[in-house]
């Protein structure tokens, strides 16, 4: 269940992985490699809905076969 921190909705890594349709391990790779931006609060990842949207939008402009970006 998403948490509200000062009016900002945040998701856990488990919730975010489920939303994106990837494993938690894959999500952790995205986070630690910088492919996806998020913050740690109290030692736990807190991922906002805007960060999820930004990640999805960024990924949607890349051709997965060639790696070419369409910006």
PDB file of N, CA and C in Angstrom:
ATOM      1  N   UNK A   1       0.839  -1.175   0.000  1.00  0.00           N
ATOM      2  CA  UNK A   1       0.000   0.000   0.000  1.00  0.00           C
ATOM      3  C   UNK A   1       0.888   1.243   0.000  1.00  0.00           C
ATOM      4  N   UNK A   2       0.686   2.139  -0.970  1.00  0.00           N
ATOM      5  CA  UNK A   2       1.507   3.348  -1.035  1.00  0.00           C
ATOM      6  C   UNK A   2       1.416   4.169   0.256  1.00  0.00           C
ATOM      7  N   UNK A   3       2.534   4.855   0.572  1.00  0.00           N
ATOM      8  CA  UNK A   3       2.570   5.717   1.750  1.00  0.00           C
ATOM      9  C   UNK A   3       2.528   7.166   1.316  1.00  0.00           C
ATOM     10  N   UNK A   4       1.974   8.000   2.172  1.00  0.00           N
ATOM     11  CA  UNK A   4       1.936   9.428   1.930  1.00  0.00           C
ATOM     12  C   UNK A   4       2.938  10.092   2.865  1.00  0.00           C
ATOM     13  N   UNK A   5       3.951  10.730   2.295  1.00  0.00           N
ATOM     14  CA  UNK A   5       4.946  11.441   3.081  1.00  0.00           C
ATOM     15  C   UNK A   5       4.852  12.912   2.709  1.00  0.00           C
ATOM     16  N   UNK A   6       4.296  13.708   3.620  1.00  0.00           N
ATOM     17  CA  UNK A   6       4.129  15.147   3.399  1.00  0.00           C
ATOM     18  C   UNK A   6       3.415  15.458   2.085  1.00  0.00           C
ATOM     19  N   UNK A   7       2.394  14.682   1.786  1.00  0.00           N
ATOM     20  CA  UNK A   7       1.601  14.908   0.580  1.00  0.00           C
ATOM     21  C   UNK A   7       2.154  14.279  -0.677  1.00  0.00           C
ATOM     22  N   UNK A   8       3.259  13.551  -0.562  1.00  0.00           N
ATOM     23  CA  UNK A   8       3.856  12.880  -1.728  1.00  0.00           C
ATOM     24  C   UNK A   8       3.637  11.381  -1.576  1.00  0.00           C
ATOM     25  N   UNK A   9       3.007  10.776  -2.557  1.00  0.00           N
ATOM     26  CA  UNK A   9       2.739   9.334  -2.524  1.00  0.00           C
ATOM     27  C   UNK A   9       4.019   8.593  -2.886  1.00  0.00           C
ATOM     28  N   UNK A  10       4.417   7.649  -2.032  1.00  0.00           N
ATOM     29  CA  UNK A  10       5.617   6.850  -2.300  1.00  0.00           C
ATOM     30  C   UNK A  10       5.273   5.369  -2.307  1.00  0.00           C
ATOM     31  N   UNK A  11       6.068   4.627  -3.056  1.00  0.00           N
ATOM     32  CA  UNK A  11       5.885   3.184  -3.186  1.00  0.00           C
ATOM     33  C   UNK A  11       7.147   2.464  -2.732  1.00  0.00           C
ATOM     34  N   UNK A  12       6.979   1.246  -2.266  1.00  0.00           N
ATOM     35  CA  UNK A  12       8.114   0.397  -1.911  1.00  0.00           C
ATOM     36  C   UNK A  12       8.687  -0.214  -3.186  1.00  0.00           C
ATOM     37  N   UNK A  13       9.829  -0.864  -3.052  1.00  0.00           N
ATOM     38  CA  UNK A  13      10.403  -1.537  -4.215  1.00  0.00           C
ATOM     39  C   UNK A  13       9.498  -2.668  -4.691  1.00  0.00           C
ATOM     40  N   UNK A  14       8.870  -3.360  -3.764  1.00  0.00           N
ATOM     41  CA  UNK A  14       7.968  -4.450  -4.151  1.00  0.00           C
ATOM     42  C   UNK A  14       6.782  -3.923  -4.947  1.00  0.00           C
ATOM     43  N   UNK A  15       6.179  -2.835  -4.461  1.00  0.00           N
ATOM     44  CA  UNK A  15       5.028  -2.252  -5.154  1.00  0.00           C
ATOM     45  C   UNK A  15       5.421  -1.718  -6.525  1.00  0.00           C
ATOM     46  N   UNK A  16       6.556  -1.057  -6.588  1.00  0.00           N
ATOM     47  CA  UNK A  16       7.018  -0.495  -7.856  1.00  0.00           C
ATOM     48  C   UNK A  16       7.334  -1.593  -8.866  1.00  0.00           C
ATOM     49  N   UNK A  17       8.002  -2.640  -8.422  1.00  0.00           N
ATOM     50  CA  UNK A  17       8.313  -3.760  -9.319  1.00  0.00           C
ATOM     51  C   UNK A  17       7.027  -4.351  -9.884  1.00  0.00           C
ATOM     52  N   UNK A  18       6.025  -4.502  -9.031  1.00  0.00           N
ATOM     53  CA  UNK A  18       4.747  -5.059  -9.486  1.00  0.00           C
ATOM     54  C   UNK A  18       4.090  -4.124 -10.505  1.00  0.00           C
ATOM     55  N   UNK A  19       4.113  -2.816 -10.244  1.00  0.00           N
ATOM     56  CA  UNK A  19       3.531  -1.851 -11.183  1.00  0.00           C
ATOM     57  C   UNK A  19       4.215  -1.903 -12.541  1.00  0.00           C
ATOM     58  N   UNK A  20       5.542  -2.058 -12.534  1.00  0.00           N
ATOM     59  CA  UNK A  20       6.308  -2.076 -13.781  1.00  0.00           C
ATOM     60  C   UNK A  20       6.339  -3.441 -14.458  1.00  0.00           C
ATOM     61  N   UNK A  21       5.902  -4.475 -13.744  1.00  0.00           N
ATOM     62  CA  UNK A  21       5.900  -5.814 -14.322  1.00  0.00           C
ATOM     63  C   UNK A  21       7.283  -6.433 -14.408  1.00  0.00           C
ATOM     64  N   UNK A  22       8.150  -6.073 -13.454  1.00  0.00           N
ATOM     65  CA  UNK A  22       9.498  -6.635 -13.396  1.00  0.00           C
ATOM     66  C   UNK A  22       9.714  -7.259 -12.017  1.00  0.00           C
ATOM     67  N   UNK A  23      10.799  -8.004 -11.882  1.00  0.00           N
ATOM     68  CA  UNK A  23      11.108  -8.562 -10.577  1.00  0.00           C
ATOM     69  C   UNK A  23      11.724  -7.477  -9.694  1.00  0.00           C
ATOM     70  N   UNK A  24      11.723  -7.724  -8.404  1.00  0.00           N
ATOM     71  CA  UNK A  24      12.346  -6.779  -7.483  1.00  0.00           C
ATOM     72  C   UNK A  24      13.839  -6.677  -7.783  1.00  0.00           C
ATOM     73  N   UNK A  25      14.439  -7.774  -8.158  1.00  0.00           N
ATOM     74  CA  UNK A  25      15.866  -7.778  -8.482  1.00  0.00           C
ATOM     75  C   UNK A  25      16.164  -6.862  -9.676  1.00  0.00           C
ATOM     76  N   UNK A  26      15.326  -6.926 -10.703  1.00  0.00           N
ATOM     77  CA  UNK A  26      15.491  -6.061 -11.871  1.00  0.00           C
ATOM     78  C   UNK A  26      15.318  -4.602 -11.466  1.00  0.00           C
ATOM     79  N   UNK A  27      14.315  -4.320 -10.660  1.00  0.00           N
ATOM     80  CA  UNK A  27      14.100  -2.955 -10.191  1.00  0.00           C
ATOM     81  C   UNK A  27      15.311  -2.451  -9.414  1.00  0.00           C
ATOM     82  N   UNK A  28      15.873  -3.288  -8.563  1.00  0.00           N
ATOM     83  CA  UNK A  28      17.046  -2.892  -7.787  1.00  0.00           C
ATOM     84  C   UNK A  28      18.221  -2.577  -8.719  1.00  0.00           C
ATOM     85  N   UNK A  29      18.340  -3.308  -9.813  1.00  0.00           N
ATOM     86  CA  UNK A  29      19.380  -3.022 -10.802  1.00  0.00           C
ATOM     87  C   UNK A  29      19.147  -1.648 -11.418  1.00  0.00           C
ATOM     88  N   UNK A  30      17.904  -1.335 -11.758  1.00  0.00           N
ATOM     89  CA  UNK A  30      17.575  -0.017 -12.289  1.00  0.00           C
ATOM     90  C   UNK A  30      17.966   1.078 -11.298  1.00  0.00           C
ATOM     91  N   UNK A  31      17.664   0.862 -10.020  1.00  0.00           N
ATOM     92  CA  UNK A  31      17.934   1.872  -8.999  1.00  0.00           C
ATOM     93  C   UNK A  31      19.427   2.054  -8.747  1.00  0.00           C
ATOM     94  N   UNK A  32      20.131   0.961  -8.592  1.00  0.00           N
ATOM     95  CA  UNK A  32      21.557   1.063  -8.257  1.00  0.00           C
ATOM     96  C   UNK A  32      22.413   1.507  -9.444  1.00  0.00           C
ATOM     97  N   UNK A  33      21.928   1.266 -10.662  1.00  0.00           N
ATOM     98  CA  UNK A  33      22.683   1.684 -11.847  1.00  0.00           C
ATOM     99  C   UNK A  33      22.356   3.118 -12.263  1.00  0.00           C
ATOM    100  N   UNK A  34      21.310   3.684 -11.667  1.00  0.00           N
ATOM    101  CA  UNK A  34      20.912   5.039 -12.024  1.00  0.00           C
ATOM    102  C   UNK A  34      19.926   5.118 -13.171  1.00  0.00           C
ATOM    103  N   UNK A  35      19.480   3.975 -13.687  1.00  0.00           N
ATOM    104  CA  UNK A  35      18.493   3.987 -14.768  1.00  0.00           C
ATOM    105  C   UNK A  35      17.158   4.547 -14.283  1.00  0.00           C
ATOM    106  N   UNK A  36      16.900   4.363 -12.993  1.00  0.00           N
ATOM    107  CA  UNK A  36      15.692   4.896 -12.376  1.00  0.00           C
ATOM    108  C   UNK A  36      16.102   5.698 -11.156  1.00  0.00           C
ATOM    109  N   UNK A  37      15.503   6.858 -11.003  1.00  0.00           N
ATOM    110  CA  UNK A  37      15.822   7.742  -9.886  1.00  0.00           C
ATOM    111  C   UNK A  37      14.851   7.497  -8.742  1.00  0.00           C
ATOM    112  N   UNK A  38      15.371   7.439  -7.528  1.00  0.00           N
ATOM    113  CA  UNK A  38      14.545   7.301  -6.330  1.00  0.00           C
ATOM    114  C   UNK A  38      15.360   7.773  -5.135  1.00  0.00           C
ATOM    115  N   UNK A  39      14.727   7.828  -3.991  1.00  0.00           N
ATOM    116  CA  UNK A  39      15.394   8.271  -2.770  1.00  0.00           C
ATOM    117  C   UNK A  39      15.316   7.183  -1.716  1.00  0.00           C
ATOM    118  N   UNK A  40      16.285   7.222  -0.816  1.00  0.00           N
ATOM    119  CA  UNK A  40      16.231   6.344   0.339  1.00  0.00           C
ATOM    120  C   UNK A  40      15.811   7.176   1.543  1.00  0.00           C
ATOM    121  N   UNK A  41      14.814   6.702   2.240  1.00  0.00           N
ATOM    122  CA  UNK A  41      14.338   7.356   3.455  1.00  0.00           C
ATOM    123  C   UNK A  41      14.368   6.321   4.557  1.00  0.00           C
ATOM    124  N   UNK A  42      15.151   6.579   5.583  1.00  0.00           N
ATOM    125  CA  UNK A  42      15.270   5.620   6.681  1.00  0.00           C
ATOM    126  C   UNK A  42      15.843   4.291   6.233  1.00  0.00           C
ATOM    127  N   UNK A  43      16.732   4.325   5.232  1.00  0.00           N
ATOM    128  CA  UNK A  43      17.361   3.101   4.757  1.00  0.00           C
ATOM    129  C   UNK A  43      16.527   2.290   3.785  1.00  0.00           C
ATOM    130  N   UNK A  44      15.356   2.793   3.436  1.00  0.00           N
ATOM    131  CA  UNK A  44      14.478   2.080   2.490  1.00  0.00           C
ATOM    132  C   UNK A  44      14.222   2.958   1.276  1.00  0.00           C
ATOM    133  N   UNK A  45      14.107   2.316   0.129  1.00  0.00           N
ATOM    134  CA  UNK A  45      13.799   3.052  -1.086  1.00  0.00           C
ATOM    135  C   UNK A  45      12.384   3.595  -1.010  1.00  0.00           C
ATOM    136  N   UNK A  46      12.212   4.849  -1.406  1.00  0.00           N
ATOM    137  CA  UNK A  46      10.897   5.482  -1.519  1.00  0.00           C
ATOM    138  C   UNK A  46      10.798   6.022  -2.938  1.00  0.00           C
ATOM    139  N   UNK A  47       9.879   5.485  -3.697  1.00  0.00           N
ATOM    140  CA  UNK A  47       9.760   5.809  -5.116  1.00  0.00           C
ATOM    141  C   UNK A  47       8.429   6.510  -5.333  1.00  0.00           C
ATOM    142  N   UNK A  48       8.489   7.723  -5.856  1.00  0.00           N
ATOM    143  CA  UNK A  48       7.257   8.483  -6.047  1.00  0.00           C
ATOM    144  C   UNK A  48       6.576   8.097  -7.354  1.00  0.00           C
ATOM    145  N   UNK A  49       5.296   8.436  -7.427  1.00  0.00           N
ATOM    146  CA  UNK A  49       4.577   8.144  -8.664  1.00  0.00           C
ATOM    147  C   UNK A  49       5.171   8.939  -9.827  1.00  0.00           C
ATOM    148  N   UNK A  50       5.677  10.139  -9.564  1.00  0.00           N
ATOM    149  CA  UNK A  50       6.308  10.927 -10.623  1.00  0.00           C
ATOM    150  C   UNK A  50       7.592  10.261 -11.108  1.00  0.00           C
ATOM    151  N   UNK A  51       8.371   9.686 -10.206  1.00  0.00           N
ATOM    152  CA  UNK A  51       9.599   8.999 -10.602  1.00  0.00           C
ATOM    153  C   UNK A  51       9.273   7.773 -11.455  1.00  0.00           C
ATOM    154  N   UNK A  52       8.194   7.088 -11.128  1.00  0.00           N
ATOM    155  CA  UNK A  52       7.753   5.935 -11.926  1.00  0.00           C
ATOM    156  C   UNK A  52       7.336   6.408 -13.323  1.00  0.00           C
ATOM    157  N   UNK A  53       6.550   7.480 -13.376  1.00  0.00           N
ATOM    158  CA  UNK A  53       6.108   8.020 -14.666  1.00  0.00           C
ATOM    159  C   UNK A  53       7.289   8.477 -15.513  1.00  0.00           C
ATOM    160  N   UNK A  54       8.242   9.162 -14.880  1.00  0.00           N
ATOM    161  CA  UNK A  54       9.425   9.620 -15.611  1.00  0.00           C
ATOM    162  C   UNK A  54      10.200   8.444 -16.191  1.00  0.00           C
ATOM    163  N   UNK A  55      10.343   7.383 -15.411  1.00  0.00           N
ATOM    164  CA  UNK A  55      11.053   6.196 -15.874  1.00  0.00           C
ATOM    165  C   UNK A  55      10.330   5.562 -17.056  1.00  0.00           C
ATOM    166  N   UNK A  56       9.025   5.411 -16.938  1.00  0.00           N
ATOM    167  CA  UNK A  56       8.236   4.791 -18.016  1.00  0.00           C
ATOM    168  C   UNK A  56       8.309   5.647 -19.277  1.00  0.00           C
ATOM    169  N   UNK A  57       8.181   6.960 -19.132  1.00  0.00           N
ATOM    170  CA  UNK A  57       8.242   7.847 -20.304  1.00  0.00           C
ATOM    171  C   UNK A  57       9.612   7.824 -20.949  1.00  0.00           C
ATOM    172  N   UNK A  58      10.658   7.802 -20.156  1.00  0.00           N
ATOM    173  CA  UNK A  58      12.016   7.757 -20.697  1.00  0.00           C
ATOM    174  C   UNK A  58      12.240   6.445 -21.440  1.00  0.00           C
ATOM    175  N   UNK A  59      11.793   5.344 -20.881  1.00  0.00           N
ATOM    176  CA  UNK A  59      11.984   4.035 -21.502  1.00  0.00           C
ATOM    177  C   UNK A  59      11.157   3.897 -22.770  1.00  0.00           C
ATOM    178  N   UNK A  60      10.058   4.634 -22.887  1.00  0.00           N
ATOM    179  CA  UNK A  60       9.178   4.462 -24.039  1.00  0.00           C
ATOM    180  C   UNK A  60       9.747   5.097 -25.306  1.00  0.00           C
ATOM    181  N   UNK A  61      10.807   5.909 -25.178  1.00  0.00           N
ATOM    182  CA  UNK A  61      11.375   6.542 -26.363  1.00  0.00           C
ATOM    183  C   UNK A  61      12.668   5.886 -26.819  1.00  0.00           C
ATOM    184  N   UNK A  62      12.933   4.694 -26.332  1.00  0.00           N
ATOM    185  CA  UNK A  62      14.147   3.979 -26.711  1.00  0.00           C
ATOM    186  C   UNK A  62      13.763   2.719 -27.485  1.00  0.00           C
ATOM    187  N   UNK A  63      14.396   2.535 -28.645  1.00  0.00           N
ATOM    188  CA  UNK A  63      14.187   1.327 -29.431  1.00  0.00           C
ATOM    189  C   UNK A  63      14.992   0.219 -28.778  1.00  0.00           C
ATOM    190  N   UNK A  64      14.297  -0.772 -28.225  1.00  0.00           N
ATOM    191  CA  UNK A  64      14.978  -1.837 -27.487  1.00  0.00           C
ATOM    192  C   UNK A  64      15.882  -2.704 -28.363  1.00  0.00           C
ATOM    193  N   UNK A  65      15.625  -2.754 -29.653  1.00  0.00           N
ATOM    194  CA  UNK A  65      16.448  -3.581 -30.531  1.00  0.00           C
ATOM    195  C   UNK A  65      17.788  -2.903 -30.853  1.00  0.00           C
ATOM    196  N   UNK A  66      17.737  -1.582 -31.109  1.00  0.00           N
ATOM    197  CA  UNK A  66      18.952  -0.890 -31.507  1.00  0.00           C
ATOM    198  C   UNK A  66      19.543  -0.021 -30.408  1.00  0.00           C
ATOM    199  N   UNK A  67      18.731   0.298 -29.418  1.00  0.00           N
ATOM    200  CA  UNK A  67      19.171   1.187 -28.346  1.00  0.00           C
ATOM    201  C   UNK A  67      19.108   2.652 -28.746  1.00  0.00           C
ATOM    202  N   UNK A  68      18.587   2.927 -29.952  1.00  0.00           N
ATOM    203  CA  UNK A  68      18.499   4.302 -30.430  1.00  0.00           C
ATOM    204  C   UNK A  68      17.404   5.055 -29.675  1.00  0.00           C
ATOM    205  N   UNK A  69      17.711   6.289 -29.301  1.00  0.00           N
ATOM    206  CA  UNK A  69      16.734   7.116 -28.618  1.00  0.00           C
ATOM    207  C   UNK A  69      16.011   7.982 -29.631  1.00  0.00           C
ATOM    208  N   UNK A  70      14.740   8.161 -29.413  1.00  0.00           N
ATOM    209  CA  UNK A  70      13.912   8.988 -30.279  1.00  0.00           C
ATOM    210  C   UNK A  70      13.481  10.217 -29.517  1.00  0.00           C
ATOM    211  N   UNK A  71      14.378  11.165 -29.363  1.00  0.00           N
ATOM    212  CA  UNK A  71      14.069  12.395 -28.625  1.00  0.00           C
ATOM    213  C   UNK A  71      13.870  13.557 -29.571  1.00  0.00           C
TER     214      UNK A  71
END
